[in-house]
């Protein structure tokens, strides 16, 4: 399979090399096109106010824009015969409404879907097992033929996997209790910082419940009308991973 790999963490993220190696060892042809620097939380941001530039950096291509820009250049210029866009593996999970739709990782996958390609976004909680991540990435890529009628699928891997795989039908509305912090910088100017801890309880059936409570690999389909059914994909992914508890 011809795969475009992108991300929102840039070319120096520690999980990019292991991901590419795993896909290549499985026999896939991989081209990497990523933003030249970290672009987390960029969502579907695109560049229209300045020229886009593409250059080689070792074995990768880097772009002076956002993750969605990287996918656009990859599909239109670098690898027009690509069959799959795989975005990630993001350093940190993308769970809930704000993280999912604000994520540059997920945004890049949605851009791939808009351009007509099968598209996956993979994210893993900090401290996660790189070996498991490699297995999930290959299994997800090789299950992607079952994706139909969706723009993208977001797959999240917990740091402490409970052994199950779950297809979420609803996004958690609020995952963090955020507030606005105010301070004064060394020049005497006021600044504001948005931050907050994660909530303690999650609505059953949401992606947050499956991820934080069940500690499961969580699969979410995204379409033009919101959350989409990806049960066949989820069951195939679980079977390839040897998962005994599959809720799809």
Protein backbone atom coordinates (compact mmCIF):
# COMPACT_ATOMS: atom_id res chain seq x y z
CA UNK A 1 0.00 0.00 0.00
CA UNK A 2 1.18 3.54 -0.79
CA UNK A 3 0.92 5.55 2.42
CA UNK A 4 1.42 9.24 3.16
CA UNK A 5 2.48 9.70 6.79
CA UNK A 6 2.03 13.11 8.35
CA UNK A 7 1.63 14.54 11.87
CA UNK A 8 1.29 17.76 13.85
CA UNK A 9 4.44 17.26 15.94
CA UNK A 10 6.99 17.87 13.19
CA UNK A 11 9.91 15.78 11.92
CA UNK A 12 11.67 15.33 15.26
CA UNK A 13 8.93 13.62 17.27
CA UNK A 14 10.23 10.35 18.78
CA UNK A 15 7.34 8.26 17.43
CA UNK A 16 7.72 9.15 13.74
CA UNK A 17 10.73 6.91 13.07
CA UNK A 18 9.26 3.79 14.76
CA UNK A 19 5.97 4.32 12.91
CA UNK A 20 7.60 4.57 9.50
CA UNK A 21 9.84 1.59 10.16
CA UNK A 22 6.88 -0.56 11.23
CA UNK A 23 4.92 0.28 8.08
CA UNK A 24 7.91 -0.34 5.82
CA UNK A 25 8.74 -3.64 7.51
CA UNK A 26 5.14 -4.69 6.82
CA UNK A 27 5.79 -4.13 3.11
CA UNK A 28 4.19 -0.72 2.60
CA UNK A 29 5.58 2.18 0.58
CA UNK A 30 5.81 5.24 2.83
CA UNK A 31 6.32 8.92 2.07
CA UNK A 32 6.59 11.32 5.02
CA UNK A 33 5.35 14.91 4.63
CA UNK A 34 5.10 16.83 7.91
CA UNK A 35 5.09 20.42 9.18
CA UNK A 36 8.63 21.71 9.70
CA UNK A 37 7.85 22.48 13.36
CA UNK A 38 5.25 21.37 15.93
CA UNK A 39 1.73 22.50 15.06
CA UNK A 40 -0.34 20.93 17.81
CA UNK A 41 -3.97 22.02 18.19
CA UNK A 42 -3.99 23.45 14.64
CA UNK A 43 -7.17 21.60 13.69
CA UNK A 44 -7.98 22.08 10.00
CA UNK A 45 -6.03 25.35 9.74
CA UNK A 46 -4.69 25.98 6.24
CA UNK A 47 -2.30 28.52 4.75
CA UNK A 48 -3.68 31.07 2.30
CA UNK A 49 -1.87 34.27 3.33
CA UNK A 50 1.65 33.30 2.23
CA UNK A 51 3.37 30.83 -0.14
CA UNK A 52 3.80 27.23 0.94
CA UNK A 53 7.31 25.82 0.69
CA UNK A 54 8.34 22.17 0.55
CA UNK A 55 11.88 20.94 1.20
CA UNK A 56 13.70 17.72 1.97
CA UNK A 57 14.99 17.05 5.46
CA UNK A 58 16.86 13.75 5.33
CA UNK A 59 14.35 11.11 4.26
CA UNK A 60 11.33 13.32 5.01
CA UNK A 61 9.60 16.25 3.33
CA UNK A 62 8.80 19.25 5.53
CA UNK A 63 6.30 22.05 4.90
CA UNK A 64 6.22 25.59 6.29
CA UNK A 65 2.51 25.29 7.04
CA UNK A 66 -0.04 23.34 9.01
CA UNK A 67 -0.74 19.58 9.05
CA UNK A 68 -3.61 20.01 6.57
CA UNK A 69 -1.21 21.88 4.27
CA UNK A 70 1.23 18.99 4.50
CA UNK A 71 -1.47 16.55 3.41
CA UNK A 72 -2.57 18.80 0.55
CA UNK A 73 0.99 19.09 -0.80
CA UNK A 74 1.60 15.38 -0.28
CA UNK A 75 -1.46 14.35 -2.28
CA UNK A 76 -1.28 17.03 -4.97
CA UNK A 77 2.50 17.10 -5.48
CA UNK A 78 4.64 14.52 -3.69
CA UNK A 79 2.54 11.33 -3.84
CA UNK A 80 -0.53 11.78 -6.06
CA UNK A 81 -1.02 8.00 -6.25
CA UNK A 82 -1.25 7.62 -2.45
CA UNK A 83 -3.88 5.18 -1.20
CA UNK A 84 -3.92 6.09 2.50
CA UNK A 85 -3.15 9.07 4.71
CA UNK A 86 -1.93 8.08 8.17
CA UNK A 87 -1.60 11.02 10.54
CA UNK A 88 0.40 10.54 13.73
CA UNK A 89 1.32 9.01 15.92
CA UNK A 90 0.38 12.02 18.02
CA UNK A 91 2.23 12.46 21.31
CA UNK A 92 -0.81 12.49 23.58
CA UNK A 93 -4.38 11.32 23.19
CA UNK A 94 -7.10 13.21 21.30
CA UNK A 95 -10.29 12.52 23.24
CA UNK A 96 -13.49 14.56 23.46
CA UNK A 97 -15.01 17.25 21.25
CA UNK A 98 -12.36 19.93 21.68
CA UNK A 99 -9.32 17.67 21.37
CA UNK A 100 -10.72 15.75 18.41
CA UNK A 101 -11.80 18.70 16.30
CA UNK A 102 -8.97 20.94 17.48
CA UNK A 103 -6.24 18.37 16.87
CA UNK A 104 -3.82 18.97 14.02
CA UNK A 105 -3.39 15.20 13.85
CA UNK A 106 -7.10 14.61 13.31
CA UNK A 107 -7.37 17.68 11.09
CA UNK A 108 -4.71 16.27 8.76
CA UNK A 109 -6.64 13.00 8.50
CA UNK A 110 -9.88 14.86 7.75
CA UNK A 111 -8.05 16.79 5.02
CA UNK A 112 -7.03 13.47 3.50
CA UNK A 113 -10.66 12.33 3.57
CA UNK A 114 -11.83 15.55 1.92
CA UNK A 115 -9.33 14.84 -0.86
CA UNK A 116 -10.85 11.41 -1.35
CA UNK A 117 -8.33 9.16 0.40
CA UNK A 118 -8.85 6.67 3.19
CA UNK A 119 -7.50 8.46 6.25
CA UNK A 120 -6.47 7.52 9.78
CA UNK A 121 -5.44 9.61 12.77
CA UNK A 122 -3.44 7.73 15.41
CA UNK A 123 -2.73 9.15 18.87
CA UNK A 124 -1.16 7.62 21.98
CA UNK A 125 -1.21 8.75 25.58
CA UNK A 126 2.14 9.87 26.98
CA UNK A 127 4.11 6.93 28.33
CA UNK A 128 2.49 4.48 25.95
CA UNK A 129 4.04 1.27 24.64
CA UNK A 130 5.83 1.95 21.34
CA UNK A 131 5.65 -1.73 20.46
CA UNK A 132 1.86 -1.68 20.82
CA UNK A 133 1.70 1.54 18.83
CA UNK A 134 3.60 -0.08 15.96
CA UNK A 135 1.21 -3.05 15.96
CA UNK A 136 -1.86 -0.82 16.02
CA UNK A 137 -0.53 1.36 13.20
CA UNK A 138 0.12 -1.56 10.88
CA UNK A 139 -3.16 -3.28 11.76
CA UNK A 140 -5.12 -0.05 11.26
CA UNK A 141 -3.50 0.61 7.88
CA UNK A 142 -4.22 -2.93 6.75
CA UNK A 143 -7.84 -2.72 7.97
CA UNK A 144 -8.46 0.58 6.19
CA UNK A 145 -9.98 -1.09 3.12
CA UNK A 146 -13.13 -1.44 5.25
CA UNK A 147 -13.51 2.31 5.63
CA UNK A 148 -16.43 3.57 3.60
CA UNK A 149 -18.56 6.67 3.98
CA UNK A 150 -16.24 8.38 6.48
CA UNK A 151 -13.78 11.23 6.17
CA UNK A 152 -11.40 9.82 8.75
CA UNK A 153 -11.04 7.50 11.70
CA UNK A 154 -9.39 8.59 14.94
CA UNK A 155 -7.70 5.80 16.92
CA UNK A 156 -6.44 6.46 20.46
CA UNK A 157 -4.10 4.17 22.40
CA UNK A 158 -3.93 4.41 26.22
CA UNK A 159 -0.65 4.26 28.12
CA UNK A 160 -1.95 1.40 30.27
CA UNK A 161 -4.00 -0.71 27.89
CA UNK A 162 -6.80 -2.68 29.53
CA UNK A 163 -6.94 -5.16 26.66
CA UNK A 164 -10.17 -4.06 24.98
CA UNK A 165 -11.09 -2.17 21.82
CA UNK A 166 -14.14 0.09 21.64
CA UNK A 167 -15.96 1.89 18.83
CA UNK A 168 -17.23 5.17 20.29
CA UNK A 169 -20.56 6.52 19.08
CA UNK A 170 -20.33 9.80 20.94
CA UNK A 171 -17.65 12.33 21.83
CA UNK A 172 -17.31 13.54 25.41
CA UNK A 173 -18.35 17.19 25.60
CA UNK A 174 -16.00 18.24 28.38
CA UNK A 175 -12.81 16.37 29.31
CA UNK A 176 -11.03 19.14 31.21
CA UNK A 177 -12.10 21.65 33.86
CA UNK A 178 -10.38 24.64 32.31
CA UNK A 179 -10.07 28.11 33.75
CA UNK A 180 -8.27 31.29 32.84
CA UNK A 181 -5.08 32.07 34.77
CA UNK A 182 -3.83 35.64 34.88
CA UNK A 183 -0.28 36.81 35.47
CA UNK A 184 2.16 39.62 34.84
CA UNK A 185 5.25 39.16 32.67
CA UNK A 186 8.70 40.68 33.44
CA UNK A 187 7.78 43.80 31.46
CA UNK A 188 4.73 44.40 33.60
CA UNK A 189 2.20 43.37 30.97
CA UNK A 190 -0.75 41.16 31.87
CA UNK A 191 -1.06 37.75 30.24
CA UNK A 192 -3.63 34.97 30.37
CA UNK A 193 -3.19 31.20 30.32
CA UNK A 194 -5.93 28.66 29.63
CA UNK A 195 -5.45 25.41 31.55
CA UNK A 196 -7.15 22.92 33.85
CA UNK A 197 -7.16 19.33 35.15
CA UNK A 198 -9.05 16.44 33.60
CA UNK A 199 -12.53 15.74 34.96
CA UNK A 200 -13.12 12.75 37.25
CA UNK A 201 -16.22 11.19 35.66
CA UNK A 202 -17.20 10.44 32.07
CA UNK A 203 -20.51 9.64 30.43
CA UNK A 204 -20.74 5.91 29.55
CA UNK A 205 -20.59 5.26 25.82
CA UNK A 206 -18.42 8.27 25.06
CA UNK A 207 -14.87 8.08 23.76
CA UNK A 208 -13.62 9.45 27.09
CA UNK A 209 -15.35 6.68 29.06
CA UNK A 210 -13.88 3.94 26.88
CA UNK A 211 -10.44 5.53 27.00
CA UNK A 212 -10.03 6.73 30.59
CA UNK A 213 -12.28 4.27 32.45
CA UNK A 214 -12.05 1.08 30.38
CA UNK A 215 -8.49 1.94 29.29
CA UNK A 216 -9.34 0.67 25.82
CA UNK A 217 -8.05 1.36 22.36
CA UNK A 218 -10.75 3.76 21.18
CA UNK A 219 -11.95 4.05 17.58
CA UNK A 220 -14.05 6.97 16.33
CA UNK A 221 -15.37 7.53 12.80
CA UNK A 222 -15.78 11.10 11.55
CA UNK A 223 -18.03 12.05 8.62
CA UNK A 224 -19.69 15.13 7.17
CA UNK A 225 -22.58 14.69 9.62
CA UNK A 226 -20.55 14.00 12.76
CA UNK A 227 -19.64 10.69 14.40
CA UNK A 228 -19.89 7.83 11.91
CA UNK A 229 -20.19 4.07 12.20
CA UNK A 230 -16.90 2.20 11.71
CA UNK A 231 -17.85 -1.11 13.33
CA UNK A 232 -16.46 -3.30 10.54
CA UNK A 233 -13.14 -1.49 10.66
CA UNK A 234 -13.05 -1.75 14.46
CA UNK A 235 -13.77 -5.46 14.47
CA UNK A 236 -11.12 -6.11 11.82
CA UNK A 237 -8.58 -3.99 13.69
CA UNK A 238 -9.34 -5.87 16.91
CA UNK A 239 -9.04 -9.24 15.18
CA UNK A 240 -5.68 -8.33 13.68
CA UNK A 241 -4.46 -7.31 17.15
CA UNK A 242 -5.83 -10.47 18.76
CA UNK A 243 -8.17 -8.50 21.01
CA UNK A 244 -10.68 -10.68 22.87
CA UNK A 245 -12.92 -7.85 24.09
CA UNK A 246 -14.18 -5.92 21.06
CA UNK A 247 -17.14 -3.58 21.55
CA UNK A 248 -17.96 -2.54 17.99
